[in-house]
Amino acid sequence: MELQRAGVVCLIGTGNGGNMKRIAGLLIAAAALGSLGLTTDAAFAARTKSVYAQKKAECKQEAKAKHFGIHFAKKNRWIKNCIAGQRT
């Protein structure tokens, strides 16, 4: 009882049952906030992947027009640089 008057909340042993409701509410709120964070991260990741895939497809088309022939390493390096914005 001394702890409650001093402003410190004692979560164990008060006997009125209100603390269990408080703990359950906090756990539910934490789970809800956590799931909201995951959905926004997933949407951002999907959007980022689609932008990357689009950029990669454009660079592959440009590389195809350059006729690298059998020089696969040179073609892949050019595609990588194209995606990074360093076209030559």
N, C-alpha and C. Protein backbone atom coordinates (compact mmCIF):
# COMPACT_ATOMS: atom_id res chain seq x y z
N MET A 1 0.81 -1.19 0.00
CA MET A 1 0.00 0.00 0.00
C MET A 1 0.85 1.26 0.00
N GLU A 2 2.00 1.20 0.62
CA GLU A 2 2.89 2.36 0.66
C GLU A 2 3.38 2.69 -0.75
N LEU A 3 3.59 1.68 -1.57
CA LEU A 3 4.09 1.90 -2.92
C LEU A 3 3.04 2.61 -3.77
N GLN A 4 1.76 2.29 -3.58
CA GLN A 4 0.72 2.91 -4.38
C GLN A 4 0.56 4.39 -4.01
N ARG A 5 0.73 4.72 -2.77
CA ARG A 5 0.62 6.12 -2.38
C ARG A 5 1.81 6.94 -2.87
N ALA A 6 2.95 6.28 -3.05
CA ALA A 6 4.14 6.99 -3.50
C ALA A 6 4.15 7.20 -5.02
N GLY A 7 3.18 6.63 -5.74
CA GLY A 7 3.12 6.80 -7.18
C GLY A 7 3.64 5.60 -7.94
N VAL A 8 4.07 4.56 -7.23
CA VAL A 8 4.57 3.36 -7.88
C VAL A 8 3.43 2.35 -7.92
N VAL A 9 3.17 1.78 -9.07
CA VAL A 9 2.08 0.82 -9.20
C VAL A 9 2.61 -0.56 -8.89
N CYS A 10 1.97 -1.24 -7.97
CA CYS A 10 2.33 -2.59 -7.62
C CYS A 10 1.43 -3.53 -8.39
N LEU A 11 2.00 -4.37 -9.26
CA LEU A 11 1.21 -5.23 -10.12
C LEU A 11 0.88 -6.58 -9.49
N ILE A 12 1.51 -6.92 -8.41
CA ILE A 12 1.30 -8.26 -7.82
C ILE A 12 0.76 -8.11 -6.41
N GLY A 13 -0.27 -8.87 -6.12
CA GLY A 13 -0.73 -9.01 -4.74
C GLY A 13 -1.69 -7.96 -4.24
N THR A 14 -2.35 -7.20 -5.09
CA THR A 14 -3.28 -6.22 -4.57
C THR A 14 -4.63 -6.86 -4.27
N GLY A 15 -5.00 -7.92 -4.99
CA GLY A 15 -6.18 -8.68 -4.66
C GLY A 15 -7.48 -8.17 -5.25
N ASN A 16 -7.49 -7.07 -5.97
CA ASN A 16 -8.76 -6.58 -6.50
C ASN A 16 -9.02 -7.04 -7.94
N GLY A 17 -8.07 -7.62 -8.62
CA GLY A 17 -8.27 -8.15 -9.96
C GLY A 17 -8.16 -7.13 -11.07
N GLY A 18 -8.01 -5.90 -10.76
CA GLY A 18 -7.91 -4.86 -11.78
C GLY A 18 -6.59 -4.90 -12.51
N ASN A 19 -5.58 -5.42 -11.85
CA ASN A 19 -4.26 -5.46 -12.47
C ASN A 19 -4.21 -6.45 -13.62
N MET A 20 -4.92 -7.56 -13.50
CA MET A 20 -4.92 -8.54 -14.58
C MET A 20 -5.57 -7.94 -15.83
N LYS A 21 -6.61 -7.14 -15.65
CA LYS A 21 -7.24 -6.48 -16.78
C LYS A 21 -6.28 -5.48 -17.42
N ARG A 22 -5.56 -4.77 -16.59
CA ARG A 22 -4.60 -3.79 -17.08
C ARG A 22 -3.49 -4.48 -17.88
N ILE A 23 -2.97 -5.58 -17.35
CA ILE A 23 -1.91 -6.31 -18.04
C ILE A 23 -2.43 -6.88 -19.36
N ALA A 24 -3.63 -7.45 -19.35
CA ALA A 24 -4.21 -8.00 -20.57
C ALA A 24 -4.42 -6.90 -21.61
N GLY A 25 -4.89 -5.76 -21.16
CA GLY A 25 -5.09 -4.64 -22.08
C GLY A 25 -3.78 -4.16 -22.70
N LEU A 26 -2.74 -4.09 -21.88
CA LEU A 26 -1.43 -3.67 -22.39
C LEU A 26 -0.90 -4.68 -23.40
N LEU A 27 -1.08 -5.97 -23.13
CA LEU A 27 -0.60 -7.00 -24.06
C LEU A 27 -1.36 -6.93 -25.38
N ILE A 28 -2.66 -6.72 -25.32
CA ILE A 28 -3.45 -6.61 -26.55
C ILE A 28 -3.04 -5.38 -27.34
N ALA A 29 -2.84 -4.27 -26.65
CA ALA A 29 -2.42 -3.04 -27.33
C ALA A 29 -1.05 -3.21 -27.97
N ALA A 30 -0.13 -3.87 -27.28
CA ALA A 30 1.20 -4.10 -27.84
C ALA A 30 1.13 -5.00 -29.06
N ALA A 31 0.30 -6.02 -29.01
CA ALA A 31 0.16 -6.92 -30.16
C ALA A 31 -0.45 -6.18 -31.35
N ALA A 32 -1.42 -5.33 -31.10
CA ALA A 32 -2.05 -4.58 -32.19
C ALA A 32 -1.07 -3.61 -32.83
N LEU A 33 -0.29 -2.91 -32.02
CA LEU A 33 0.70 -1.98 -32.56
C LEU A 33 1.78 -2.72 -33.31
N GLY A 34 2.16 -3.88 -32.82
CA GLY A 34 3.17 -4.68 -33.51
C GLY A 34 2.71 -5.15 -34.86
N SER A 35 1.46 -5.55 -34.96
CA SER A 35 0.96 -6.03 -36.25
C SER A 35 0.81 -4.88 -37.23
N LEU A 36 0.48 -3.68 -36.77
CA LEU A 36 0.41 -2.53 -37.67
C LEU A 36 1.78 -2.20 -38.24
N GLY A 37 2.79 -2.31 -37.42
CA GLY A 37 4.15 -2.06 -37.89
C GLY A 37 4.58 -3.06 -38.93
N LEU A 38 4.20 -4.31 -38.79
CA LEU A 38 4.58 -5.33 -39.75
C LEU A 38 3.90 -5.13 -41.09
N THR A 39 2.66 -4.71 -41.09
CA THR A 39 1.96 -4.53 -42.36
C THR A 39 2.53 -3.35 -43.13
N THR A 40 2.90 -2.28 -42.47
CA THR A 40 3.47 -1.16 -43.19
C THR A 40 4.86 -1.52 -43.71
N ASP A 41 5.64 -2.27 -42.96
CA ASP A 41 6.95 -2.70 -43.42
C ASP A 41 6.81 -3.63 -44.62
N ALA A 42 5.84 -4.52 -44.59
CA ALA A 42 5.63 -5.46 -45.69
C ALA A 42 5.20 -4.71 -46.95
N ALA A 43 4.34 -3.72 -46.81
CA ALA A 43 3.90 -2.94 -47.96
C ALA A 43 5.06 -2.14 -48.55
N PHE A 44 5.88 -1.58 -47.68
CA PHE A 44 7.04 -0.82 -48.15
C PHE A 44 8.02 -1.73 -48.87
N ALA A 45 8.26 -2.93 -48.33
CA ALA A 45 9.18 -3.87 -48.96
C ALA A 45 8.66 -4.33 -50.32
N ALA A 46 7.37 -4.57 -50.42
CA ALA A 46 6.79 -4.99 -51.70
C ALA A 46 6.91 -3.88 -52.74
N ARG A 47 6.67 -2.65 -52.33
CA ARG A 47 6.77 -1.53 -53.25
C ARG A 47 8.22 -1.34 -53.69
N THR A 48 9.16 -1.50 -52.77
CA THR A 48 10.57 -1.35 -53.09
C THR A 48 11.01 -2.45 -54.06
N LYS A 49 10.56 -3.68 -53.82
CA LYS A 49 10.92 -4.77 -54.71
C LYS A 49 10.36 -4.55 -56.11
N SER A 50 9.14 -4.04 -56.20
CA SER A 50 8.56 -3.83 -57.52
C SER A 50 9.30 -2.73 -58.28
N VAL A 51 9.76 -1.70 -57.60
CA VAL A 51 10.53 -0.64 -58.24
C VAL A 51 11.86 -1.20 -58.72
N TYR A 52 12.49 -2.01 -57.87
CA TYR A 52 13.77 -2.63 -58.24
C TYR A 52 13.60 -3.56 -59.44
N ALA A 53 12.55 -4.36 -59.44
CA ALA A 53 12.31 -5.30 -60.54
C ALA A 53 12.04 -4.54 -61.84
N GLN A 54 11.32 -3.44 -61.76
CA GLN A 54 11.04 -2.64 -62.94
C GLN A 54 12.34 -2.03 -63.50
N LYS A 55 13.16 -1.50 -62.61
CA LYS A 55 14.42 -0.90 -63.02
C LYS A 55 15.34 -1.96 -63.63
N LYS A 56 15.37 -3.15 -63.04
CA LYS A 56 16.21 -4.22 -63.55
C LYS A 56 15.75 -4.66 -64.94
N ALA A 57 14.45 -4.75 -65.15
CA ALA A 57 13.92 -5.14 -66.45
C ALA A 57 14.28 -4.11 -67.52
N GLU A 58 14.20 -2.82 -67.18
CA GLU A 58 14.57 -1.77 -68.13
C GLU A 58 16.05 -1.87 -68.49
N CYS A 59 16.88 -2.09 -67.49
CA CYS A 59 18.32 -2.18 -67.74
C CYS A 59 18.66 -3.43 -68.55
N LYS A 60 17.95 -4.52 -68.32
CA LYS A 60 18.19 -5.72 -69.11
C LYS A 60 17.84 -5.48 -70.57
N GLN A 61 16.77 -4.75 -70.83
CA GLN A 61 16.40 -4.44 -72.21
C GLN A 61 17.47 -3.59 -72.89
N GLU A 62 18.01 -2.61 -72.16
CA GLU A 62 19.08 -1.77 -72.71
C GLU A 62 20.33 -2.59 -72.97
N ALA A 63 20.64 -3.52 -72.07
CA ALA A 63 21.81 -4.37 -72.24
C ALA A 63 21.65 -5.28 -73.45
N LYS A 64 20.43 -5.74 -73.66
CA LYS A 64 20.16 -6.59 -74.82
C LYS A 64 20.41 -5.82 -76.12
N ALA A 65 20.07 -4.54 -76.12
CA ALA A 65 20.28 -3.70 -77.30
C ALA A 65 21.76 -3.41 -77.54
N LYS A 66 22.59 -3.55 -76.52
CA LYS A 66 24.02 -3.28 -76.66
C LYS A 66 24.78 -4.47 -77.24
N HIS A 67 24.16 -5.63 -77.35
CA HIS A 67 24.76 -6.83 -77.97
C HIS A 67 26.09 -7.21 -77.32
N PHE A 68 26.03 -7.62 -76.06
CA PHE A 68 27.23 -8.05 -75.34
C PHE A 68 27.73 -9.41 -75.81
N GLY A 69 26.90 -10.17 -76.51
CA GLY A 69 27.33 -11.47 -77.03
C GLY A 69 27.61 -12.46 -75.93
N ILE A 70 28.81 -13.05 -75.92
CA ILE A 70 29.15 -14.09 -74.93
C ILE A 70 29.77 -13.50 -73.67
N HIS A 71 29.87 -12.21 -73.60
CA HIS A 71 30.51 -11.56 -72.45
C HIS A 71 29.48 -11.34 -71.33
N PHE A 72 29.11 -12.46 -70.67
CA PHE A 72 28.06 -12.43 -69.64
C PHE A 72 28.46 -11.62 -68.42
N ALA A 73 29.72 -11.73 -68.01
CA ALA A 73 30.18 -10.98 -66.83
C ALA A 73 30.12 -9.48 -67.10
N LYS A 74 30.52 -9.09 -68.29
CA LYS A 74 30.49 -7.67 -68.65
C LYS A 74 29.04 -7.17 -68.71
N LYS A 75 28.15 -8.00 -69.25
CA LYS A 75 26.73 -7.64 -69.33
C LYS A 75 26.13 -7.49 -67.94
N ASN A 76 26.41 -8.45 -67.05
CA ASN A 76 25.87 -8.39 -65.68
C ASN A 76 26.41 -7.19 -64.92
N ARG A 77 27.69 -6.87 -65.13
CA ARG A 77 28.28 -5.71 -64.47
C ARG A 77 27.61 -4.43 -64.98
N TRP A 78 27.34 -4.37 -66.30
CA TRP A 78 26.68 -3.20 -66.86
C TRP A 78 25.27 -3.06 -66.31
N ILE A 79 24.55 -4.18 -66.17
CA ILE A 79 23.18 -4.14 -65.61
C ILE A 79 23.21 -3.64 -64.17
N LYS A 80 24.16 -4.16 -63.40
CA LYS A 80 24.28 -3.75 -62.00
C LYS A 80 24.55 -2.24 -61.90
N ASN A 81 25.46 -1.74 -62.75
CA ASN A 81 25.76 -0.32 -62.74
C ASN A 81 24.58 0.51 -63.23
N CYS A 82 23.84 -0.03 -64.18
CA CYS A 82 22.65 0.67 -64.69
C CYS A 82 21.61 0.82 -63.59
N ILE A 83 21.40 -0.22 -62.83
CA ILE A 83 20.44 -0.16 -61.72
C ILE A 83 20.88 0.88 -60.68
N ALA A 84 22.19 0.96 -60.45
CA ALA A 84 22.72 1.91 -59.49
C ALA A 84 22.72 3.34 -60.02
N GLY A 85 22.45 3.49 -61.34
CA GLY A 85 22.40 4.83 -61.91
C GLY A 85 23.71 5.28 -62.52
N GLN A 86 24.63 4.36 -62.76
CA GLN A 86 25.94 4.69 -63.31
C GLN A 86 26.06 4.15 -64.74
N ARG A 87 25.20 4.58 -65.61
CA ARG A 87 25.22 4.11 -67.00
C ARG A 87 26.41 4.72 -67.73
N THR A 88 27.01 3.89 -68.59
CA THR A 88 28.13 4.40 -69.40
C THR A 88 27.93 4.04 -70.85
